[in-house]
Amino acid sequence: MTNFFSDESGQDPSVRREQLLRYLEGSLSSHEQEQLSAQLEESGELQEELRALSALYQTVGSSTERAFAPGFSRRVMQRVPSPSGARDSTGNFYEALHWAFLRVAVIAVLLTTGIGAYNAGTYLQMDASQSLVEAIMGLPEVSMESALTYDFHDDTGE
């Protein structure tokens, strides 16, 4: 006969407590109940643990009231979306977002290239004093005369 409920067998104490709670509920198989009864006769420590759990079980059992109709938890869980469904919708959202930003990026690159090509073409047709890079970027021609035309003073009268 194996020492089913003892710490010497290497069993986790939480598993032992679960077995003792199942004993209190009356949900152990007949074989498990026989094993536990035999070990309870041999171990005072196990008897003490059973007494403590029994007192706790009775306290909790007497203090809880049935506030919900049977099947309440099942009905609630049916309304909660499954985690796999949540991951799928989130994945679909991020995939759609990726494609939207990719389209915007392609359009931005095409517009920038088009504007640069237009500016470069205009530069080549004109006899301008700007460099090709300035023309492509659409920078205004800078000279001392154009710089002096800007009004750098505050119009508030100060």
N, C-alpha and C. Protein backbone atom coordinates (compact mmCIF):
# COMPACT_ATOMS: atom_id res chain seq x y z
N MET A 1 0.85 -1.16 0.00
CA MET A 1 0.00 0.00 0.00
C MET A 1 0.90 1.24 0.00
N THR A 2 0.62 2.18 -0.91
CA THR A 2 1.44 3.39 -1.00
C THR A 2 1.02 4.38 0.07
N ASN A 3 1.95 5.16 0.47
CA ASN A 3 1.70 6.18 1.46
C ASN A 3 1.16 7.41 0.72
N PHE A 4 -0.12 7.40 0.43
CA PHE A 4 -0.76 8.33 -0.50
C PHE A 4 -0.78 9.76 0.01
N PHE A 5 -0.90 9.98 1.30
CA PHE A 5 -1.08 11.32 1.83
C PHE A 5 0.10 11.83 2.65
N SER A 6 1.21 11.19 2.61
CA SER A 6 2.30 11.59 3.50
C SER A 6 3.31 12.46 2.77
N ASP A 7 4.00 13.29 3.54
CA ASP A 7 5.07 14.12 2.99
C ASP A 7 6.31 13.29 2.68
N GLU A 8 6.48 12.18 3.38
CA GLU A 8 7.65 11.34 3.15
C GLU A 8 7.66 10.77 1.74
N SER A 9 6.50 10.65 1.12
CA SER A 9 6.42 10.10 -0.23
C SER A 9 6.77 11.15 -1.28
N GLY A 10 7.01 12.37 -0.84
CA GLY A 10 7.36 13.43 -1.78
C GLY A 10 6.14 14.13 -2.34
N GLN A 11 4.97 13.92 -1.75
CA GLN A 11 3.75 14.53 -2.27
C GLN A 11 3.66 15.99 -1.84
N ASP A 12 3.19 16.80 -2.73
CA ASP A 12 3.01 18.23 -2.47
C ASP A 12 1.92 18.41 -1.40
N PRO A 13 2.16 19.26 -0.39
CA PRO A 13 1.14 19.48 0.65
C PRO A 13 -0.18 20.01 0.11
N SER A 14 -0.15 20.77 -0.98
CA SER A 14 -1.40 21.28 -1.54
C SER A 14 -2.23 20.15 -2.12
N VAL A 15 -1.56 19.12 -2.65
CA VAL A 15 -2.29 17.95 -3.16
C VAL A 15 -2.93 17.21 -2.00
N ARG A 16 -2.19 17.11 -0.89
CA ARG A 16 -2.73 16.44 0.30
C ARG A 16 -3.94 17.19 0.82
N ARG A 17 -3.86 18.54 0.87
CA ARG A 17 -5.00 19.33 1.32
C ARG A 17 -6.20 19.14 0.40
N GLU A 18 -5.95 19.06 -0.88
CA GLU A 18 -7.05 18.84 -1.82
C GLU A 18 -7.72 17.49 -1.55
N GLN A 19 -6.91 16.47 -1.28
CA GLN A 19 -7.47 15.16 -0.97
C GLN A 19 -8.29 15.21 0.32
N LEU A 20 -7.80 15.94 1.32
CA LEU A 20 -8.54 16.06 2.57
C LEU A 20 -9.86 16.81 2.37
N LEU A 21 -9.84 17.84 1.55
CA LEU A 21 -11.08 18.56 1.26
C LEU A 21 -12.06 17.66 0.50
N ARG A 22 -11.55 16.88 -0.42
CA ARG A 22 -12.43 15.94 -1.13
C ARG A 22 -13.00 14.90 -0.17
N TYR A 23 -12.23 14.52 0.84
CA TYR A 23 -12.71 13.60 1.87
C TYR A 23 -13.86 14.24 2.64
N LEU A 24 -13.70 15.52 2.99
CA LEU A 24 -14.75 16.23 3.73
C LEU A 24 -16.02 16.38 2.88
N GLU A 25 -15.84 16.57 1.59
CA GLU A 25 -16.99 16.69 0.69
C GLU A 25 -17.63 15.35 0.38
N GLY A 26 -16.88 14.27 0.61
CA GLY A 26 -17.39 12.94 0.30
C GLY A 26 -17.24 12.57 -1.16
N SER A 27 -16.24 13.16 -1.84
CA SER A 27 -16.07 12.89 -3.26
C SER A 27 -14.86 12.00 -3.57
N LEU A 28 -14.30 11.35 -2.56
CA LEU A 28 -13.19 10.42 -2.80
C LEU A 28 -13.75 9.06 -3.23
N SER A 29 -12.97 8.36 -4.02
CA SER A 29 -13.36 6.99 -4.37
C SER A 29 -13.22 6.11 -3.12
N SER A 30 -13.81 4.96 -3.18
CA SER A 30 -13.76 4.08 -1.99
C SER A 30 -12.31 3.67 -1.69
N HIS A 31 -11.52 3.44 -2.71
CA HIS A 31 -10.12 3.05 -2.51
C HIS A 31 -9.35 4.20 -1.85
N GLU A 32 -9.53 5.45 -2.35
CA GLU A 32 -8.85 6.60 -1.78
C GLU A 32 -9.31 6.84 -0.33
N GLN A 33 -10.59 6.63 -0.08
CA GLN A 33 -11.12 6.83 1.27
C GLN A 33 -10.53 5.81 2.24
N GLU A 34 -10.36 4.56 1.79
CA GLU A 34 -9.74 3.54 2.64
C GLU A 34 -8.29 3.91 2.96
N GLN A 35 -7.56 4.37 1.94
CA GLN A 35 -6.17 4.77 2.15
C GLN A 35 -6.08 5.92 3.16
N LEU A 36 -6.94 6.93 2.99
CA LEU A 36 -6.91 8.08 3.89
C LEU A 36 -7.28 7.66 5.31
N SER A 37 -8.27 6.81 5.45
CA SER A 37 -8.67 6.36 6.79
C SER A 37 -7.52 5.65 7.48
N ALA A 38 -6.79 4.81 6.74
CA ALA A 38 -5.66 4.08 7.32
C ALA A 38 -4.57 5.07 7.73
N GLN A 39 -4.30 6.07 6.92
CA GLN A 39 -3.25 7.05 7.25
C GLN A 39 -3.68 7.96 8.39
N LEU A 40 -4.97 8.26 8.48
CA LEU A 40 -5.46 9.07 9.60
C LEU A 40 -5.26 8.36 10.93
N GLU A 41 -5.41 7.03 10.93
CA GLU A 41 -5.20 6.26 12.16
C GLU A 41 -3.74 6.29 12.59
N GLU A 42 -2.82 6.37 11.61
CA GLU A 42 -1.39 6.32 11.90
C GLU A 42 -0.79 7.70 12.22
N SER A 43 -1.33 8.77 11.65
CA SER A 43 -0.66 10.07 11.73
C SER A 43 -1.49 11.09 12.50
N GLY A 44 -0.94 11.54 13.61
CA GLY A 44 -1.58 12.60 14.38
C GLY A 44 -1.52 13.94 13.65
N GLU A 45 -0.44 14.16 12.90
CA GLU A 45 -0.29 15.40 12.13
C GLU A 45 -1.38 15.50 11.07
N LEU A 46 -1.66 14.39 10.41
CA LEU A 46 -2.69 14.36 9.38
C LEU A 46 -4.07 14.56 10.01
N GLN A 47 -4.29 14.01 11.20
CA GLN A 47 -5.55 14.21 11.91
C GLN A 47 -5.74 15.68 12.27
N GLU A 48 -4.67 16.33 12.71
CA GLU A 48 -4.73 17.75 13.07
C GLU A 48 -5.05 18.60 11.83
N GLU A 49 -4.41 18.27 10.72
CA GLU A 49 -4.66 19.01 9.48
C GLU A 49 -6.11 18.81 9.04
N LEU A 50 -6.63 17.58 9.19
CA LEU A 50 -8.02 17.31 8.83
C LEU A 50 -8.97 18.09 9.74
N ARG A 51 -8.67 18.19 11.02
CA ARG A 51 -9.52 18.96 11.95
C ARG A 51 -9.53 20.45 11.55
N ALA A 52 -8.36 20.99 11.24
CA ALA A 52 -8.27 22.41 10.86
C ALA A 52 -9.05 22.66 9.56
N LEU A 53 -8.87 21.79 8.59
CA LEU A 53 -9.60 21.95 7.33
C LEU A 53 -11.09 21.76 7.52
N SER A 54 -11.47 20.86 8.40
CA SER A 54 -12.89 20.62 8.67
C SER A 54 -13.52 21.85 9.28
N ALA A 55 -12.84 22.49 10.25
CA ALA A 55 -13.36 23.70 10.87
C ALA A 55 -13.49 24.82 9.84
N LEU A 56 -12.47 24.96 9.00
CA LEU A 56 -12.50 25.97 7.96
C LEU A 56 -13.61 25.68 6.95
N TYR A 57 -13.74 24.43 6.57
CA TYR A 57 -14.76 24.00 5.61
C TYR A 57 -16.16 24.29 6.16
N GLN A 58 -16.38 24.02 7.44
CA GLN A 58 -17.69 24.27 8.05
C GLN A 58 -17.96 25.77 8.16
N THR A 59 -16.94 26.56 8.50
CA THR A 59 -17.11 28.00 8.62
C THR A 59 -17.47 28.62 7.27
N VAL A 60 -16.72 28.25 6.26
CA VAL A 60 -16.97 28.79 4.93
C VAL A 60 -18.31 28.28 4.41
N GLY A 61 -18.59 27.01 4.62
CA GLY A 61 -19.83 26.43 4.13
C GLY A 61 -21.05 27.04 4.77
N SER A 62 -20.98 27.40 6.03
CA SER A 62 -22.14 27.97 6.70
C SER A 62 -22.31 29.45 6.41
N SER A 63 -21.23 30.13 6.01
CA SER A 63 -21.32 31.57 5.79
C SER A 63 -21.71 31.94 4.36
N THR A 64 -21.62 31.01 3.43
CA THR A 64 -21.95 31.35 2.05
C THR A 64 -23.42 31.09 1.80
N GLU A 65 -24.01 32.00 1.08
CA GLU A 65 -25.40 31.84 0.69
C GLU A 65 -25.46 31.71 -0.82
N ARG A 66 -26.45 31.03 -1.27
CA ARG A 66 -26.63 30.89 -2.71
C ARG A 66 -27.38 32.12 -3.20
N ALA A 67 -26.64 33.00 -3.88
CA ALA A 67 -27.23 34.25 -4.34
C ALA A 67 -27.62 34.19 -5.82
N PHE A 68 -27.13 33.21 -6.54
CA PHE A 68 -27.39 33.13 -7.96
C PHE A 68 -28.07 31.81 -8.28
N ALA A 69 -28.85 31.84 -9.32
CA ALA A 69 -29.54 30.63 -9.75
C ALA A 69 -28.54 29.63 -10.29
N PRO A 70 -28.89 28.34 -10.26
CA PRO A 70 -27.97 27.34 -10.81
C PRO A 70 -27.70 27.62 -12.29
N GLY A 71 -26.46 27.39 -12.67
CA GLY A 71 -26.06 27.62 -14.06
C GLY A 71 -25.62 29.04 -14.34
N PHE A 72 -25.55 29.87 -13.30
CA PHE A 72 -25.17 31.27 -13.49
C PHE A 72 -23.78 31.39 -14.11
N SER A 73 -22.81 30.67 -13.55
CA SER A 73 -21.43 30.78 -14.06
C SER A 73 -21.35 30.32 -15.51
N ARG A 74 -22.10 29.29 -15.87
CA ARG A 74 -22.08 28.80 -17.26
C ARG A 74 -22.63 29.87 -18.20
N ARG A 75 -23.72 30.54 -17.80
CA ARG A 75 -24.31 31.58 -18.64
C ARG A 75 -23.36 32.77 -18.79
N VAL A 76 -22.68 33.13 -17.71
CA VAL A 76 -21.73 34.24 -17.78
C VAL A 76 -20.57 33.89 -18.70
N MET A 77 -20.05 32.69 -18.55
CA MET A 77 -18.89 32.29 -19.35
C MET A 77 -19.24 32.17 -20.83
N GLN A 78 -20.48 31.88 -21.16
CA GLN A 78 -20.88 31.83 -22.56
C GLN A 78 -20.89 33.22 -23.18
N ARG A 79 -21.13 34.25 -22.36
CA ARG A 79 -21.15 35.62 -22.87
C ARG A 79 -19.76 36.22 -23.01
N VAL A 80 -18.79 35.69 -22.28
CA VAL A 80 -17.43 36.22 -22.33
C VAL A 80 -16.77 35.71 -23.61
N PRO A 81 -16.19 36.62 -24.40
CA PRO A 81 -15.52 36.17 -25.62
C PRO A 81 -14.29 35.34 -25.28
N SER A 82 -14.03 34.39 -26.11
CA SER A 82 -12.89 33.51 -25.86
C SER A 82 -11.59 34.25 -26.14
N PRO A 83 -10.52 33.90 -25.42
CA PRO A 83 -9.24 34.57 -25.65
C PRO A 83 -8.72 34.37 -27.07
N SER A 84 -8.98 33.21 -27.66
CA SER A 84 -8.50 32.99 -29.02
C SER A 84 -9.21 33.90 -29.99
N GLY A 85 -10.51 34.16 -29.78
CA GLY A 85 -11.25 35.09 -30.63
C GLY A 85 -10.73 36.51 -30.47
N ALA A 86 -10.36 36.88 -29.24
CA ALA A 86 -9.83 38.21 -28.99
C ALA A 86 -8.49 38.38 -29.70
N ARG A 87 -7.68 37.36 -29.67
CA ARG A 87 -6.39 37.43 -30.35
C ARG A 87 -6.58 37.55 -31.84
N ASP A 88 -7.57 36.84 -32.40
CA ASP A 88 -7.81 36.91 -33.83
C ASP A 88 -8.24 38.30 -34.25
N SER A 89 -9.18 38.91 -33.49
CA SER A 89 -9.64 40.24 -33.87
C SER A 89 -8.52 41.26 -33.70
N THR A 90 -7.71 41.13 -32.67
CA THR A 90 -6.59 42.03 -32.48
C THR A 90 -5.58 41.84 -33.60
N GLY A 91 -5.33 40.59 -33.95
CA GLY A 91 -4.41 40.31 -35.05
C GLY A 91 -4.92 40.88 -36.35
N ASN A 92 -6.22 40.76 -36.61
CA ASN A 92 -6.79 41.32 -37.84
C ASN A 92 -6.68 42.84 -37.84
N PHE A 93 -6.89 43.47 -36.68
CA PHE A 93 -6.77 44.92 -36.59
C PHE A 93 -5.36 45.36 -36.92
N TYR A 94 -4.36 44.70 -36.31
CA TYR A 94 -2.98 45.08 -36.56
C TYR A 94 -2.56 44.80 -37.99
N GLU A 95 -3.08 43.75 -38.55
CA GLU A 95 -2.77 43.45 -39.95
C GLU A 95 -3.37 44.53 -40.86
N ALA A 96 -4.61 44.94 -40.60
CA ALA A 96 -5.24 45.99 -41.39
C ALA A 96 -4.50 47.31 -41.21
N LEU A 97 -4.08 47.60 -39.97
CA LEU A 97 -3.34 48.81 -39.69
C LEU A 97 -2.01 48.82 -40.44
N HIS A 98 -1.35 47.67 -40.47
CA HIS A 98 -0.09 47.55 -41.19
C HIS A 98 -0.28 47.88 -42.67
N TRP A 99 -1.31 47.30 -43.27
CA TRP A 99 -1.54 47.54 -44.70
C TRP A 99 -1.95 48.99 -44.96
N ALA A 100 -2.71 49.61 -44.06
CA ALA A 100 -3.09 51.01 -44.24
C ALA A 100 -1.86 51.91 -44.20
N PHE A 101 -0.98 51.70 -43.22
CA PHE A 101 0.24 52.50 -43.14
C PHE A 101 1.17 52.23 -44.32
N LEU A 102 1.20 51.01 -44.79
CA LEU A 102 2.03 50.70 -45.95
C LEU A 102 1.54 51.46 -47.18
N ARG A 103 0.23 51.53 -47.36
CA ARG A 103 -0.33 52.28 -48.49
C ARG A 103 -0.02 53.76 -48.37
N VAL A 104 -0.17 54.31 -47.17
CA VAL A 104 0.13 55.72 -46.95
C VAL A 104 1.61 55.99 -47.23
N ALA A 105 2.49 55.10 -46.80
CA ALA A 105 3.92 55.28 -47.02
C ALA A 105 4.25 55.25 -48.51
N VAL A 106 3.63 54.35 -49.26
CA VAL A 106 3.88 54.27 -50.70
C VAL A 106 3.40 55.54 -51.38
N ILE A 107 2.22 56.04 -50.99
CA ILE A 107 1.70 57.27 -51.60
C ILE A 107 2.61 58.45 -51.26
N ALA A 108 3.10 58.51 -50.02
CA ALA A 108 4.00 59.60 -49.63
C ALA A 108 5.29 59.57 -50.43
N VAL A 109 5.85 58.40 -50.62
CA VAL A 109 7.08 58.28 -51.41
C VAL A 109 6.83 58.69 -52.86
N LEU A 110 5.71 58.26 -53.42
CA LEU A 110 5.41 58.62 -54.81
C LEU A 110 5.20 60.13 -54.95
N LEU A 111 4.47 60.75 -54.01
CA LEU A 111 4.27 62.20 -54.08
C LEU A 111 5.59 62.96 -53.93
N THR A 112 6.41 62.53 -53.00
CA THR A 112 7.70 63.19 -52.79
C THR A 112 8.57 63.05 -54.04
N THR A 113 8.58 61.89 -54.62
CA THR A 113 9.37 61.67 -55.84
C THR A 113 8.81 62.52 -56.99
N GLY A 114 7.50 62.59 -57.10
CA GLY A 114 6.88 63.39 -58.16
C GLY A 114 7.18 64.87 -58.01
N ILE A 115 7.06 65.38 -56.78
CA ILE A 115 7.36 66.81 -56.55
C ILE A 115 8.83 67.08 -56.81
N GLY A 116 9.72 66.19 -56.39
CA GLY A 116 11.14 66.36 -56.66
C GLY A 116 11.45 66.34 -58.14
N ALA A 117 10.79 65.44 -58.87
CA ALA A 117 11.02 65.38 -60.32
C ALA A 117 10.50 66.65 -61.00
N TYR A 118 9.36 67.15 -60.54
CA TYR A 118 8.83 68.39 -61.10
C TYR A 118 9.78 69.55 -60.86
N ASN A 119 10.27 69.65 -59.62
CA ASN A 119 11.21 70.73 -59.30
C ASN A 119 12.50 70.60 -60.10
N ALA A 120 13.00 69.38 -60.26
CA ALA A 120 14.22 69.17 -61.05
C ALA A 120 13.99 69.53 -62.50
N GLY A 121 12.83 69.16 -63.04
CA GLY A 121 12.52 69.52 -64.43
C GLY A 121 12.40 71.01 -64.62
N THR A 122 11.79 71.70 -63.69
CA THR A 122 11.68 73.16 -63.74
C THR A 122 13.06 73.79 -63.64
N TYR A 123 13.92 73.24 -62.82
CA TYR A 123 15.28 73.76 -62.66
C TYR A 123 16.05 73.64 -63.96
N LEU A 124 15.89 72.51 -64.63
CA LEU A 124 16.64 72.32 -65.86
C LEU A 124 16.14 73.23 -66.97
N GLN A 125 14.86 73.62 -66.95
CA GLN A 125 14.32 74.52 -67.98
C GLN A 125 14.68 75.97 -67.71
N MET A 126 14.92 76.30 -66.45
CA MET A 126 15.23 77.69 -66.10
C MET A 126 16.74 77.87 -65.94
N ASP A 127 17.17 79.06 -66.12
CA ASP A 127 18.56 79.37 -65.87
C ASP A 127 18.63 79.90 -64.44
N ALA A 128 18.59 78.98 -63.47
CA ALA A 128 18.51 79.38 -62.07
C ALA A 128 19.88 79.33 -61.43
N SER A 129 20.05 80.11 -60.38
CA SER A 129 21.31 80.13 -59.67
C SER A 129 21.33 79.11 -58.53
N GLN A 130 20.24 78.36 -58.36
CA GLN A 130 20.16 77.35 -57.31
C GLN A 130 20.88 76.08 -57.74
N SER A 131 21.22 75.29 -56.74
CA SER A 131 21.78 73.99 -57.06
C SER A 131 20.61 73.04 -57.35
N LEU A 132 20.91 71.91 -57.92
CA LEU A 132 19.89 70.92 -58.25
C LEU A 132 19.21 70.40 -56.98
N VAL A 133 19.97 70.22 -55.89
CA VAL A 133 19.40 69.73 -54.63
C VAL A 133 18.41 70.74 -54.07
N GLU A 134 18.76 72.04 -54.12
CA GLU A 134 17.84 73.06 -53.65
C GLU A 134 16.57 73.08 -54.48
N ALA A 135 16.72 72.89 -55.79
CA ALA A 135 15.56 72.88 -56.67
C ALA A 135 14.67 71.67 -56.39
N ILE A 136 15.28 70.51 -56.19
CA ILE A 136 14.50 69.30 -55.93
C ILE A 136 13.73 69.43 -54.63
N MET A 137 14.36 70.02 -53.61
CA MET A 137 13.70 70.17 -52.31
C MET A 137 12.72 71.33 -52.29
N GLY A 138 12.72 72.16 -53.34
CA GLY A 138 11.78 73.27 -53.41
C GLY A 138 12.15 74.44 -52.54
N LEU A 139 13.44 74.61 -52.26
CA LEU A 139 13.89 75.71 -51.42
C LEU A 139 13.90 77.00 -52.24
N PRO A 140 13.53 78.11 -51.62
CA PRO A 140 13.56 79.38 -52.37
C PRO A 140 14.99 79.83 -52.60
N GLU A 141 15.13 80.62 -53.59
CA GLU A 141 16.46 81.15 -53.90
C GLU A 141 16.84 82.15 -52.81
N VAL A 142 18.05 82.02 -52.32
CA VAL A 142 18.49 82.88 -51.23
C VAL A 142 19.56 83.82 -51.77
N SER A 143 19.28 85.08 -51.56
CA SER A 143 20.25 86.12 -51.92
C SER A 143 20.15 87.22 -50.88
N MET A 144 21.06 88.17 -50.92
CA MET A 144 21.02 89.26 -49.96
C MET A 144 19.77 90.10 -50.17
N GLU A 145 19.39 90.31 -51.41
CA GLU A 145 18.21 91.11 -51.70
C GLU A 145 16.94 90.42 -51.18
N SER A 146 16.81 89.11 -51.39
CA SER A 146 15.61 88.41 -50.91
C SER A 146 15.58 88.34 -49.40
N ALA A 147 16.75 88.28 -48.76
CA ALA A 147 16.80 88.24 -47.31
C ALA A 147 16.39 89.59 -46.72
N LEU A 148 16.75 90.69 -47.38
CA LEU A 148 16.39 92.01 -46.88
C LEU A 148 14.91 92.32 -47.05
N THR A 149 14.24 91.61 -47.90
CA THR A 149 12.81 91.88 -48.12
C THR A 149 11.96 91.31 -46.99
N TYR A 150 12.48 90.41 -46.18
CA TYR A 150 11.71 89.85 -45.07
C TYR A 150 11.63 90.85 -43.94
N ASP A 151 10.45 90.97 -43.33
CA ASP A 151 10.23 91.89 -42.22
C ASP A 151 10.48 91.12 -40.93
N PHE A 152 11.58 91.45 -40.26
CA PHE A 152 11.96 90.76 -39.03
C PHE A 152 11.49 91.47 -37.79
N HIS A 153 10.82 92.59 -37.93
CA HIS A 153 10.41 93.39 -36.79
C HIS A 153 9.03 92.96 -36.33
N ASP A 154 8.79 93.15 -35.05
CA ASP A 154 7.49 92.82 -34.45
C ASP A 154 6.51 93.92 -34.79
N ASP A 155 5.30 93.57 -35.25
CA ASP A 155 4.31 94.55 -35.66
C ASP A 155 3.53 95.12 -34.49
N THR A 156 3.86 94.79 -33.27
CA THR A 156 3.12 95.31 -32.11
C THR A 156 3.55 96.69 -31.72
N GLY A 157 4.53 97.25 -32.39
CA GLY A 157 4.96 98.61 -32.13
C GLY A 157 6.05 98.72 -31.11
N GLU A 158 6.61 97.69 -30.67
CA GLU A 158 7.68 97.74 -29.67
C GLU A 158 9.03 97.85 -30.31
